[in-house]
């Protein structure tokens, strides 16, 4: 139980009795009666919570009303509404966008798994010790520096458009596979740095203790260092996966019919941009659960850290 500075010893004892009785049954079973000061403190806490909720609701409502009035009374709103918020084109685009979204989801699942594996291998290569591994460390560092500095859109153009131009025997020209390869190459560089930061955050004494127990360097890395590093880096890894989910829409530049390309086809035919809004909202709806899950994991790990729990 967390003890605040302002609580007196009798109140702390009363709080402990109250929590114990709550776990075992009714508080009246052991004769405990909350003090007036405790009841008053709980009433004050509830009053503050209700006041904060009311203020937040009113401020949000006022902001929404102001934004609505500003947008609706803008000189170009009628034309903008017709071009970007047409109900007719939204109904036409939604089924096709959802059909194309399945490709984005498959790319996320396949590329996400490949990115985690390749990123982990690159991170381990960068942390290997000894002069014999120097060339491997240099190659891993060059890989991360190059693909973190290269814009993703350029990487996609080089892979999706450049590889077919080589006319190599046995090499696919499928824009989906090539686009997924480009996504994997770029995001593996980012994820490798996340894993490397987690590995280097593990105190050297952990590795030394594992070696003193008879574990080899590889066993210490696998059973001691990597589990701690991965647990510590879960929130940034999830953030990278959220970004990957959004960037799967860029494979449309090679002609793959995903959600973005499906919207682009309708826009090219109708010259109405509502399908882009529909595709954007679909991506937002898909991303929000992952974002909230990331926030929940981050908050949970912060609470464990504050309470002295294991990471």
Protein backbone atom coordinates (compact mmCIF):
# COMPACT_ATOMS: atom_id res chain seq x y z
CA UNK A 1 0.00 0.00 0.00
CA UNK A 2 1.29 3.45 -0.88
CA UNK A 3 1.49 5.75 2.13
CA UNK A 4 1.10 9.49 1.67
CA UNK A 5 2.89 12.02 3.83
CA UNK A 6 -0.29 13.58 5.22
CA UNK A 7 -1.83 10.36 6.59
CA UNK A 8 -1.56 9.77 10.29
CA UNK A 9 -0.72 6.40 11.82
CA UNK A 10 -4.29 5.69 13.06
CA UNK A 11 -5.70 6.48 9.61
CA UNK A 12 -3.17 4.20 7.93
CA UNK A 13 -4.11 1.42 10.29
CA UNK A 14 -7.77 2.05 9.54
CA UNK A 15 -7.10 1.97 5.82
CA UNK A 16 -5.30 -1.35 6.16
CA UNK A 17 -8.17 -2.82 8.14
CA UNK A 18 -10.60 -1.56 5.53
CA UNK A 19 -8.67 -3.11 2.63
CA UNK A 20 -8.26 -6.38 4.53
CA UNK A 21 -11.93 -6.60 5.34
CA UNK A 22 -12.81 -5.82 1.73
CA UNK A 23 -10.74 -8.77 0.54
CA UNK A 24 -12.25 -11.20 3.04
CA UNK A 25 -15.90 -10.13 3.05
CA UNK A 26 -18.14 -7.43 4.44
CA UNK A 27 -16.44 -4.66 6.42
CA UNK A 28 -19.05 -4.99 9.14
CA UNK A 29 -17.92 -8.56 9.87
CA UNK A 30 -14.87 -7.37 11.83
CA UNK A 31 -16.60 -4.38 13.37
CA UNK A 32 -14.62 -1.77 11.45
CA UNK A 33 -16.33 1.60 10.92
CA UNK A 34 -14.60 4.18 8.69
CA UNK A 35 -13.71 7.39 10.46
CA UNK A 36 -15.44 10.65 9.65
CA UNK A 37 -12.22 12.05 8.29
CA UNK A 38 -11.85 9.11 5.93
CA UNK A 39 -15.43 9.47 4.71
CA UNK A 40 -14.97 13.19 4.22
CA UNK A 41 -11.79 12.59 2.25
CA UNK A 42 -13.57 10.12 -0.02
CA UNK A 43 -16.46 12.55 -0.56
CA UNK A 44 -13.99 15.28 -1.45
CA UNK A 45 -12.22 12.99 -3.91
CA UNK A 46 -15.50 12.10 -5.63
CA UNK A 47 -16.51 15.78 -5.77
CA UNK A 48 -13.21 16.72 -7.41
CA UNK A 49 -13.55 13.89 -9.92
CA UNK A 50 -17.07 14.99 -10.90
CA UNK A 51 -15.95 18.62 -11.21
CA UNK A 52 -12.98 17.67 -13.39
CA UNK A 53 -15.22 15.56 -15.64
CA UNK A 54 -17.73 18.37 -16.01
CA UNK A 55 -15.04 20.94 -16.86
CA UNK A 56 -13.42 18.60 -19.40
CA UNK A 57 -16.78 17.89 -21.05
CA UNK A 58 -17.73 21.56 -21.28
CA UNK A 59 -14.36 22.61 -22.68
CA UNK A 60 -14.46 19.81 -25.26
CA UNK A 61 -17.98 20.74 -26.31
CA UNK A 62 -17.08 24.43 -26.60
CA UNK A 63 -14.00 23.63 -28.71
CA UNK A 64 -16.03 21.38 -31.02
CA UNK A 65 -18.71 24.06 -31.47
CA UNK A 66 -16.12 26.74 -32.28
CA UNK A 67 -14.38 24.51 -34.83
CA UNK A 68 -17.69 23.57 -36.41
CA UNK A 69 -18.75 27.21 -36.76
CA UNK A 70 -15.38 28.22 -38.22
CA UNK A 71 -15.43 25.43 -40.81
CA UNK A 72 -19.09 25.70 -41.77
CA UNK A 73 -19.02 29.48 -42.19
CA UNK A 74 -15.83 29.45 -44.29
CA UNK A 75 -16.36 30.93 -47.79
CA UNK A 76 -15.34 27.72 -49.56
CA UNK A 77 -17.22 25.27 -47.33
CA UNK A 78 -20.06 24.41 -49.80
CA UNK A 79 -17.56 23.44 -52.50
CA UNK A 80 -15.33 21.63 -50.01
CA UNK A 81 -18.28 19.68 -48.63
CA UNK A 82 -19.28 18.57 -52.11
CA UNK A 83 -15.73 17.58 -53.07
CA UNK A 84 -14.51 15.89 -49.87
CA UNK A 85 -17.63 14.85 -47.94
CA UNK A 86 -20.04 13.48 -50.51
CA UNK A 87 -22.30 10.78 -49.06
CA UNK A 88 -22.84 9.28 -52.52
CA UNK A 89 -19.15 8.70 -53.21
CA UNK A 90 -18.55 7.60 -49.62
CA UNK A 91 -21.09 4.79 -50.01
CA UNK A 92 -19.51 3.82 -53.32
CA UNK A 93 -15.95 3.85 -51.99
CA UNK A 94 -16.40 2.11 -48.62
CA UNK A 95 -16.83 -1.49 -49.90
CA UNK A 96 -13.88 -1.20 -52.28
CA UNK A 97 -11.68 0.44 -49.65
CA UNK A 98 -12.50 -2.29 -47.14
CA UNK A 99 -11.69 -4.92 -49.75
CA UNK A 100 -8.32 -3.29 -50.39
CA UNK A 101 -7.70 -2.93 -46.65
CA UNK A 102 -7.36 -6.70 -46.35
CA UNK A 103 -4.12 -6.40 -48.34
CA UNK A 104 -2.84 -3.78 -45.87
CA UNK A 105 -3.66 -6.06 -42.94
CA UNK A 106 -1.83 -9.00 -44.52
CA UNK A 107 1.18 -6.80 -45.23
CA UNK A 108 1.17 -5.66 -41.61
CA UNK A 109 1.14 -9.21 -40.27
CA UNK A 110 3.81 -10.59 -42.62
CA UNK A 111 6.08 -7.53 -42.64
CA UNK A 112 5.68 -7.03 -38.90
CA UNK A 113 6.92 -10.55 -38.17
CA UNK A 114 9.79 -10.20 -40.64
CA UNK A 115 10.77 -6.81 -39.22
CA UNK A 116 10.94 -8.15 -35.67
CA UNK A 117 13.12 -11.10 -36.66
CA UNK A 118 15.46 -9.14 -38.93
CA UNK A 119 15.66 -6.23 -36.49
CA UNK A 120 16.61 -8.57 -33.66
CA UNK A 121 19.36 -10.22 -35.75
CA UNK A 122 20.81 -6.84 -36.74
CA UNK A 123 20.72 -5.61 -33.13
CA UNK A 124 22.49 -8.74 -31.90
CA UNK A 125 25.09 -8.37 -34.65
CA UNK A 126 25.78 -4.79 -33.54
CA UNK A 127 26.31 -5.86 -29.92
CA UNK A 128 28.61 -8.83 -30.56
CA UNK A 129 31.93 -8.51 -28.78
CA UNK A 130 35.42 -9.33 -29.95
CA UNK A 131 37.56 -8.24 -32.91
CA UNK A 132 36.48 -11.26 -34.97
CA UNK A 133 32.98 -9.80 -35.23
CA UNK A 134 34.16 -6.34 -36.29
CA UNK A 135 33.15 -6.76 -39.99
CA UNK A 136 29.69 -7.95 -38.93
CA UNK A 137 29.26 -4.97 -36.61
CA UNK A 138 30.30 -2.59 -39.38
CA UNK A 139 27.84 -4.12 -41.85
CA UNK A 140 25.02 -3.97 -39.31
CA UNK A 141 25.80 -0.34 -38.48
CA UNK A 142 25.98 0.58 -42.18
CA UNK A 143 22.62 -1.11 -42.78
CA UNK A 144 20.87 0.81 -40.00
CA UNK A 145 22.47 4.13 -40.98
CA UNK A 146 21.56 3.73 -44.64
CA UNK A 147 17.94 2.64 -44.32
CA UNK A 148 17.15 5.00 -41.44
CA UNK A 149 18.44 7.88 -43.55
CA UNK A 150 16.79 6.81 -46.82
CA UNK A 151 13.20 8.10 -47.13
CA UNK A 152 10.73 5.25 -47.24
CA UNK A 153 9.03 6.53 -50.38
CA UNK A 154 12.36 6.52 -52.25
CA UNK A 155 13.16 3.05 -50.98
CA UNK A 156 9.78 1.84 -52.25
CA UNK A 157 10.36 3.39 -55.67
CA UNK A 158 13.83 1.88 -55.96
CA UNK A 159 12.67 -1.63 -55.01
CA UNK A 160 9.24 -1.66 -56.68
CA UNK A 161 10.34 0.03 -59.92
CA UNK A 162 14.05 -0.79 -60.04
CA UNK A 163 14.06 -4.53 -59.37
CA UNK A 164 11.71 -5.39 -62.29
CA UNK A 165 13.86 -3.22 -64.59
CA UNK A 166 16.82 -5.55 -63.94
CA UNK A 167 14.92 -8.48 -65.50
CA UNK A 168 16.55 -10.98 -63.19
CA UNK A 169 15.59 -14.61 -63.69
CA UNK A 170 13.61 -16.05 -60.79
CA UNK A 171 13.08 -12.67 -59.09
CA UNK A 172 9.47 -11.67 -58.56
CA UNK A 173 7.99 -8.54 -60.08
CA UNK A 174 4.86 -8.62 -57.91
CA UNK A 175 4.43 -5.07 -56.50
CA UNK A 176 2.96 -6.47 -53.27
CA UNK A 177 6.00 -8.64 -52.55
CA UNK A 178 8.43 -5.92 -53.60
CA UNK A 179 6.60 -3.29 -51.59
CA UNK A 180 6.59 -5.55 -48.54
CA UNK A 181 10.33 -6.09 -49.00
CA UNK A 182 10.96 -2.35 -49.05
CA UNK A 183 8.87 -1.86 -45.90
CA UNK A 184 10.76 -4.65 -44.17
CA UNK A 185 14.15 -3.20 -45.11
CA UNK A 186 13.30 0.25 -43.78
CA UNK A 187 11.51 -0.71 -40.59
CA UNK A 188 14.08 -3.37 -39.68
CA UNK A 189 16.64 -0.59 -39.34
CA UNK A 190 14.43 1.29 -36.88
CA UNK A 191 13.48 -1.81 -34.90
CA UNK A 192 17.13 -2.90 -34.76
CA UNK A 193 18.01 0.32 -32.96
CA UNK A 194 15.13 -0.21 -30.54
CA UNK A 195 16.37 -3.72 -29.73
CA UNK A 196 19.98 -2.51 -29.46
CA UNK A 197 18.95 0.17 -26.97
CA UNK A 198 17.18 -2.48 -24.92
CA UNK A 199 20.18 -4.81 -24.98
CA UNK A 200 22.56 -2.06 -23.91
CA UNK A 201 20.18 -0.98 -21.13
CA UNK A 202 20.70 -4.33 -19.37
CA UNK A 203 23.38 -3.86 -16.73
CA UNK A 204 26.65 -5.71 -17.44
CA UNK A 205 26.37 -7.40 -14.05
CA UNK A 206 23.48 -9.46 -15.44
CA UNK A 207 25.74 -10.95 -18.10
CA UNK A 208 28.56 -11.40 -15.61
CA UNK A 209 26.26 -13.22 -13.18
CA UNK A 210 25.07 -15.51 -15.97
CA UNK A 211 28.68 -16.31 -16.94
CA UNK A 212 29.54 -17.03 -13.30
CA UNK A 213 26.76 -19.64 -13.26
CA UNK A 214 28.41 -21.44 -16.16
CA UNK A 215 26.43 -20.04 -19.09
CA UNK A 216 28.21 -19.29 -22.33
CA UNK A 217 28.03 -15.87 -23.96
CA UNK A 218 25.33 -17.10 -26.35
CA UNK A 219 23.32 -18.65 -23.52
CA UNK A 220 23.61 -15.51 -21.41
CA UNK A 221 22.43 -13.41 -24.32
CA UNK A 222 19.51 -15.71 -25.09
CA UNK A 223 18.28 -16.49 -21.57
CA UNK A 224 19.24 -13.41 -19.57
CA UNK A 225 19.89 -10.32 -21.69
CA UNK A 226 17.34 -10.61 -24.52
CA UNK A 227 14.28 -11.35 -22.33
CA UNK A 228 14.95 -8.23 -20.26
CA UNK A 229 15.72 -6.11 -23.32
CA UNK A 230 12.53 -7.11 -25.13
CA UNK A 231 10.31 -6.45 -22.11
CA UNK A 232 11.77 -3.00 -21.68
CA UNK A 233 11.30 -2.08 -25.34
CA UNK A 234 7.73 -3.29 -25.85
CA UNK A 235 6.16 0.24 -26.03
CA UNK A 236 8.53 1.62 -28.73
CA UNK A 237 8.21 -1.64 -30.67
CA UNK A 238 4.43 -1.30 -30.68
CA UNK A 239 4.77 2.30 -31.83
CA UNK A 240 6.88 1.15 -34.77
CA UNK A 241 4.22 -1.43 -35.67
CA UNK A 242 1.57 1.31 -35.60
CA UNK A 243 3.68 3.34 -38.03
CA UNK A 244 4.19 0.26 -40.21
CA UNK A 245 0.43 -0.26 -40.35
CA UNK A 246 -0.05 3.23 -41.77
CA UNK A 247 2.84 3.00 -44.21
CA UNK A 248 1.52 -0.19 -45.79
CA UNK A 249 -0.65 2.16 -47.86
CA UNK A 250 2.46 3.31 -49.70
CA UNK A 251 2.71 0.04 -51.62
CA UNK A 252 0.02 1.50 -53.88
CA UNK A 253 2.71 3.43 -55.77
CA UNK A 254 3.66 0.17 -57.48
CA UNK A 255 0.11 -0.56 -58.58
CA UNK A 256 -0.96 -2.88 -55.75
CA UNK A 257 -4.68 -2.45 -55.13
CA UNK A 258 -4.84 -1.77 -51.40
CA UNK A 259 -7.18 0.60 -49.58
CA UNK A 260 -5.36 3.70 -50.85
CA UNK A 261 -5.20 2.48 -54.44
CA UNK A 262 -8.88 1.51 -54.38
CA UNK A 263 -9.75 5.04 -53.29
CA UNK A 264 -7.40 6.50 -55.92
CA UNK A 265 -9.16 4.57 -58.70
CA UNK A 266 -12.53 6.05 -57.75
CA UNK A 267 -11.05 9.53 -57.43
CA UNK A 268 -9.50 9.30 -60.88
CA UNK A 269 -12.85 8.35 -62.36
CA UNK A 270 -15.09 10.80 -60.48
CA UNK A 271 -12.71 13.70 -59.66
CA UNK A 272 -14.23 13.65 -56.17
CA UNK A 273 -11.87 13.28 -53.20
CA UNK A 274 -14.33 11.72 -50.75
CA UNK A 275 -12.79 8.22 -51.22
CA UNK A 276 -9.51 9.54 -49.80
CA UNK A 277 -11.37 10.67 -46.67
CA UNK A 278 -13.00 7.25 -46.41
CA UNK A 279 -9.64 5.47 -46.74
CA UNK A 280 -8.09 7.77 -44.16
CA UNK A 281 -10.87 7.15 -41.66
CA UNK A 282 -10.58 3.39 -42.18
CA UNK A 283 -6.84 3.53 -41.42
CA UNK A 284 -7.53 5.66 -38.33
CA UNK A 285 -10.14 3.18 -37.12
CA UNK A 286 -7.63 0.35 -37.58
CA UNK A 287 -4.80 2.23 -35.88
CA UNK A 288 -6.63 3.52 -32.79
CA UNK A 289 -6.95 0.09 -31.05
CA UNK A 290 -3.22 -0.53 -31.54
CA UNK A 291 -2.41 2.94 -30.22
CA UNK A 292 -4.60 2.51 -27.14
CA UNK A 293 -3.04 -0.91 -26.50
CA UNK A 294 0.40 0.68 -26.71
CA UNK A 295 -0.64 3.37 -24.21
CA UNK A 296 -2.00 0.70 -21.86
CA UNK A 297 1.21 -1.34 -22.02
CA UNK A 298 3.30 1.79 -21.43
CA UNK A 299 1.22 2.85 -18.41
CA UNK A 300 1.35 -0.66 -16.98
CA UNK A 301 5.12 -0.82 -17.26
CA UNK A 302 5.42 2.66 -15.71
CA UNK A 303 3.34 1.51 -12.74
CA UNK A 304 5.50 -1.57 -12.32
CA UNK A 305 8.63 0.56 -12.45
CA UNK A 306 7.22 3.01 -9.87
CA UNK A 307 6.31 0.15 -7.54
CA UNK A 308 9.70 -1.48 -7.92
CA UNK A 309 8.39 -4.39 -9.99
CA UNK A 310 10.41 -6.30 -12.51
CA UNK A 311 10.61 -5.00 -16.07
